[in-house]
Amino acid sequence: MTECVEHVGLAQSRVSTHLGCLADCGFVQVRREGRYSYYRVVDPRVAELVMLARSLSADNAAALTDCIRIDSPGVPSSAEERD
């Protein structure tokens, strides 16, 4: 869990909720040891999907970087900048 939180930069509670949903859907499996939870991808198509998303992102990096329709965390939207 800690690795996921550090990697995506979201709150632990939000990551936990998403991982719980992924577990409920059968995409990941959780193993608990004390206060720690370890998640493992169980559907190999998930890894394929991640690789495809990375490829698509790389192919469109400039457009994604310049996108103003969706705010990035910690970056004011263009509407907020005008206010």
N, C-alpha and C. Protein backbone atom coordinates (compact mmCIF):
# COMPACT_ATOMS: atom_id res chain seq x y z
N MET A 1 0.83 -1.19 0.00
CA MET A 1 0.00 0.00 0.00
C MET A 1 0.87 1.25 0.00
N THR A 2 1.87 1.29 0.86
CA THR A 2 2.74 2.47 0.96
C THR A 2 3.39 2.78 -0.38
N GLU A 3 3.85 1.76 -1.08
CA GLU A 3 4.46 1.97 -2.39
C GLU A 3 3.46 2.59 -3.36
N CYS A 4 2.24 2.10 -3.34
CA CYS A 4 1.21 2.63 -4.24
C CYS A 4 0.93 4.09 -3.94
N VAL A 5 0.81 4.43 -2.66
CA VAL A 5 0.54 5.80 -2.25
C VAL A 5 1.66 6.71 -2.73
N GLU A 6 2.91 6.29 -2.50
CA GLU A 6 4.06 7.10 -2.92
C GLU A 6 4.12 7.24 -4.44
N HIS A 7 3.78 6.18 -5.15
CA HIS A 7 3.88 6.18 -6.61
C HIS A 7 2.84 7.08 -7.27
N VAL A 8 1.60 7.03 -6.79
CA VAL A 8 0.53 7.80 -7.44
C VAL A 8 0.31 9.17 -6.82
N GLY A 9 0.81 9.38 -5.61
CA GLY A 9 0.69 10.69 -4.98
C GLY A 9 -0.71 11.03 -4.50
N LEU A 10 -1.51 10.03 -4.19
CA LEU A 10 -2.85 10.27 -3.66
C LEU A 10 -2.87 9.92 -2.18
N ALA A 11 -3.92 10.31 -1.50
CA ALA A 11 -4.08 9.99 -0.08
C ALA A 11 -4.21 8.48 0.11
N GLN A 12 -3.70 7.99 1.23
CA GLN A 12 -3.74 6.56 1.53
C GLN A 12 -5.17 6.04 1.50
N SER A 13 -6.12 6.81 2.03
CA SER A 13 -7.51 6.36 2.06
C SER A 13 -8.07 6.18 0.65
N ARG A 14 -7.69 7.07 -0.24
CA ARG A 14 -8.19 6.98 -1.63
C ARG A 14 -7.59 5.77 -2.35
N VAL A 15 -6.29 5.56 -2.16
CA VAL A 15 -5.63 4.41 -2.77
C VAL A 15 -6.23 3.12 -2.21
N SER A 16 -6.47 3.09 -0.90
CA SER A 16 -7.06 1.91 -0.27
C SER A 16 -8.43 1.60 -0.85
N THR A 17 -9.23 2.63 -1.06
CA THR A 17 -10.57 2.44 -1.65
C THR A 17 -10.47 1.87 -3.06
N HIS A 18 -9.57 2.41 -3.87
CA HIS A 18 -9.40 1.93 -5.24
C HIS A 18 -8.89 0.49 -5.26
N LEU A 19 -7.92 0.19 -4.40
CA LEU A 19 -7.40 -1.18 -4.36
C LEU A 19 -8.47 -2.15 -3.87
N GLY A 20 -9.31 -1.71 -2.95
CA GLY A 20 -10.42 -2.55 -2.50
C GLY A 20 -11.38 -2.87 -3.63
N CYS A 21 -11.68 -1.87 -4.45
CA CYS A 21 -12.54 -2.09 -5.61
C CYS A 21 -11.89 -3.05 -6.59
N LEU A 22 -10.59 -2.88 -6.84
CA LEU A 22 -9.88 -3.77 -7.76
C LEU A 22 -9.89 -5.20 -7.23
N ALA A 23 -9.76 -5.35 -5.91
CA ALA A 23 -9.81 -6.69 -5.30
C ALA A 23 -11.21 -7.29 -5.44
N ASP A 24 -12.23 -6.49 -5.18
CA ASP A 24 -13.61 -6.97 -5.30
C ASP A 24 -13.93 -7.42 -6.73
N CYS A 25 -13.30 -6.78 -7.70
CA CYS A 25 -13.54 -7.11 -9.11
C CYS A 25 -12.66 -8.27 -9.59
N GLY A 26 -11.73 -8.70 -8.76
CA GLY A 26 -10.88 -9.83 -9.13
C GLY A 26 -9.63 -9.47 -9.92
N PHE A 27 -9.29 -8.18 -9.98
CA PHE A 27 -8.09 -7.77 -10.71
C PHE A 27 -6.83 -7.92 -9.88
N VAL A 28 -6.96 -7.71 -8.56
CA VAL A 28 -5.82 -7.87 -7.66
C VAL A 28 -6.23 -8.77 -6.50
N GLN A 29 -5.21 -9.32 -5.85
CA GLN A 29 -5.42 -10.15 -4.68
C GLN A 29 -4.67 -9.50 -3.52
N VAL A 30 -5.28 -9.50 -2.36
CA VAL A 30 -4.66 -8.87 -1.19
C VAL A 30 -4.23 -9.94 -0.20
N ARG A 31 -3.05 -9.72 0.37
CA ARG A 31 -2.54 -10.58 1.43
C ARG A 31 -2.21 -9.66 2.60
N ARG A 32 -2.77 -9.96 3.76
CA ARG A 32 -2.54 -9.11 4.92
C ARG A 32 -1.57 -9.78 5.89
N GLU A 33 -0.63 -8.99 6.35
CA GLU A 33 0.32 -9.42 7.37
C GLU A 33 0.39 -8.33 8.42
N GLY A 34 -0.28 -8.58 9.54
CA GLY A 34 -0.33 -7.56 10.58
C GLY A 34 -1.05 -6.33 10.08
N ARG A 35 -0.40 -5.19 10.20
CA ARG A 35 -1.04 -3.95 9.75
C ARG A 35 -0.73 -3.62 8.30
N TYR A 36 -0.03 -4.50 7.62
CA TYR A 36 0.35 -4.27 6.23
C TYR A 36 -0.50 -5.10 5.28
N SER A 37 -0.77 -4.52 4.12
CA SER A 37 -1.50 -5.22 3.07
C SER A 37 -0.63 -5.24 1.83
N TYR A 38 -0.57 -6.40 1.19
CA TYR A 38 0.23 -6.57 -0.02
C TYR A 38 -0.70 -6.95 -1.15
N TYR A 39 -0.62 -6.23 -2.24
CA TYR A 39 -1.50 -6.45 -3.38
C TYR A 39 -0.71 -7.05 -4.53
N ARG A 40 -1.37 -7.95 -5.24
CA ARG A 40 -0.75 -8.61 -6.38
C ARG A 40 -1.76 -8.65 -7.51
N VAL A 41 -1.32 -8.30 -8.70
CA VAL A 41 -2.19 -8.36 -9.88
C VAL A 41 -2.41 -9.83 -10.21
N VAL A 42 -3.67 -10.24 -10.35
CA VAL A 42 -3.98 -11.64 -10.64
C VAL A 42 -4.47 -11.86 -12.07
N ASP A 43 -4.91 -10.81 -12.71
CA ASP A 43 -5.37 -10.93 -14.10
C ASP A 43 -4.25 -10.38 -14.99
N PRO A 44 -3.61 -11.23 -15.78
CA PRO A 44 -2.47 -10.77 -16.60
C PRO A 44 -2.84 -9.67 -17.59
N ARG A 45 -4.10 -9.53 -17.90
CA ARG A 45 -4.52 -8.47 -18.82
C ARG A 45 -4.33 -7.09 -18.22
N VAL A 46 -4.29 -7.01 -16.89
CA VAL A 46 -4.07 -5.72 -16.24
C VAL A 46 -2.69 -5.19 -16.60
N ALA A 47 -1.69 -6.05 -16.56
CA ALA A 47 -0.33 -5.64 -16.92
C ALA A 47 -0.29 -5.20 -18.38
N GLU A 48 -0.98 -5.89 -19.24
CA GLU A 48 -1.05 -5.52 -20.65
C GLU A 48 -1.70 -4.14 -20.80
N LEU A 49 -2.75 -3.90 -20.03
CA LEU A 49 -3.45 -2.63 -20.08
C LEU A 49 -2.54 -1.49 -19.61
N VAL A 50 -1.77 -1.73 -18.55
CA VAL A 50 -0.85 -0.71 -18.05
C VAL A 50 0.21 -0.40 -19.11
N MET A 51 0.75 -1.43 -19.73
CA MET A 51 1.76 -1.21 -20.77
C MET A 51 1.18 -0.44 -21.95
N LEU A 52 -0.06 -0.75 -22.34
CA LEU A 52 -0.71 -0.02 -23.42
C LEU A 52 -0.92 1.44 -23.04
N ALA A 53 -1.35 1.69 -21.80
CA ALA A 53 -1.56 3.06 -21.35
C ALA A 53 -0.25 3.84 -21.35
N ARG A 54 0.83 3.21 -20.92
CA ARG A 54 2.14 3.87 -20.94
C ARG A 54 2.56 4.20 -22.36
N SER A 55 2.33 3.28 -23.27
CA SER A 55 2.67 3.50 -24.67
C SER A 55 1.87 4.65 -25.26
N LEU A 56 0.58 4.65 -24.99
CA LEU A 56 -0.28 5.73 -25.48
C LEU A 56 0.14 7.07 -24.89
N SER A 57 0.47 7.09 -23.61
CA SER A 57 0.91 8.32 -22.96
C SER A 57 2.21 8.83 -23.57
N ALA A 58 3.13 7.91 -23.81
CA ALA A 58 4.42 8.30 -24.40
C ALA A 58 4.22 8.86 -25.81
N ASP A 59 3.35 8.23 -26.58
CA ASP A 59 3.09 8.68 -27.94
C ASP A 59 2.42 10.05 -27.98
N ASN A 60 1.73 10.42 -26.91
CA ASN A 60 0.98 11.67 -26.87
C ASN A 60 1.45 12.58 -25.74
N ALA A 61 2.72 12.47 -25.35
CA ALA A 61 3.24 13.19 -24.19
C ALA A 61 3.05 14.70 -24.31
N ALA A 62 3.35 15.25 -25.47
CA ALA A 62 3.25 16.71 -25.63
C ALA A 62 1.81 17.18 -25.46
N ALA A 63 0.88 16.48 -26.06
CA ALA A 63 -0.53 16.87 -25.95
C ALA A 63 -1.03 16.72 -24.51
N LEU A 64 -0.61 15.66 -23.82
CA LEU A 64 -1.01 15.46 -22.43
C LEU A 64 -0.45 16.56 -21.54
N THR A 65 0.78 16.95 -21.79
CA THR A 65 1.42 17.99 -20.99
C THR A 65 0.73 19.33 -21.18
N ASP A 66 0.29 19.60 -22.40
CA ASP A 66 -0.35 20.88 -22.72
C ASP A 66 -1.84 20.93 -22.42
N CYS A 67 -2.42 19.80 -22.02
CA CYS A 67 -3.86 19.73 -21.77
C CYS A 67 -4.28 20.68 -20.65
N ILE A 68 -5.28 21.50 -20.91
CA ILE A 68 -5.78 22.43 -19.91
C ILE A 68 -7.20 22.07 -19.46
N ARG A 69 -7.76 21.02 -19.99
CA ARG A 69 -9.13 20.64 -19.63
C ARG A 69 -9.22 19.95 -18.28
N ILE A 70 -8.16 19.24 -17.90
CA ILE A 70 -8.15 18.50 -16.63
C ILE A 70 -7.02 19.06 -15.78
N ASP A 71 -7.36 19.45 -14.55
CA ASP A 71 -6.37 20.02 -13.66
C ASP A 71 -5.43 18.94 -13.14
N SER A 72 -4.18 19.30 -12.99
CA SER A 72 -3.19 18.45 -12.35
C SER A 72 -3.20 18.78 -10.87
N PRO A 73 -2.97 17.78 -10.00
CA PRO A 73 -2.93 18.08 -8.56
C PRO A 73 -1.88 19.15 -8.26
N GLY A 74 -2.29 20.16 -7.51
CA GLY A 74 -1.36 21.21 -7.12
C GLY A 74 -1.12 22.27 -8.17
N VAL A 75 -1.72 22.12 -9.35
CA VAL A 75 -1.55 23.10 -10.42
C VAL A 75 -2.89 23.78 -10.65
N PRO A 76 -2.95 25.10 -10.53
CA PRO A 76 -4.25 25.78 -10.73
C PRO A 76 -4.74 25.64 -12.16
N SER A 77 -6.06 25.53 -12.31
CA SER A 77 -6.62 25.47 -13.66
C SER A 77 -6.52 26.83 -14.30
N SER A 78 -6.73 26.89 -15.59
CA SER A 78 -6.65 28.18 -16.30
C SER A 78 -7.72 29.14 -15.78
N ALA A 79 -8.88 28.61 -15.36
CA ALA A 79 -9.93 29.46 -14.82
C ALA A 79 -9.49 30.06 -13.48
N GLU A 80 -8.82 29.27 -12.64
CA GLU A 80 -8.34 29.76 -11.37
C GLU A 80 -7.25 30.81 -11.55
N GLU A 81 -6.43 30.65 -12.58
CA GLU A 81 -5.37 31.61 -12.83
C GLU A 81 -5.93 32.96 -13.21
N ARG A 82 -7.11 32.97 -13.88
CA ARG A 82 -7.72 34.24 -14.30
C ARG A 82 -8.35 34.98 -13.13
N ASP A 83 -8.77 34.25 -12.10
CA ASP A 83 -9.47 34.87 -10.96
C ASP A 83 -8.56 35.73 -10.12
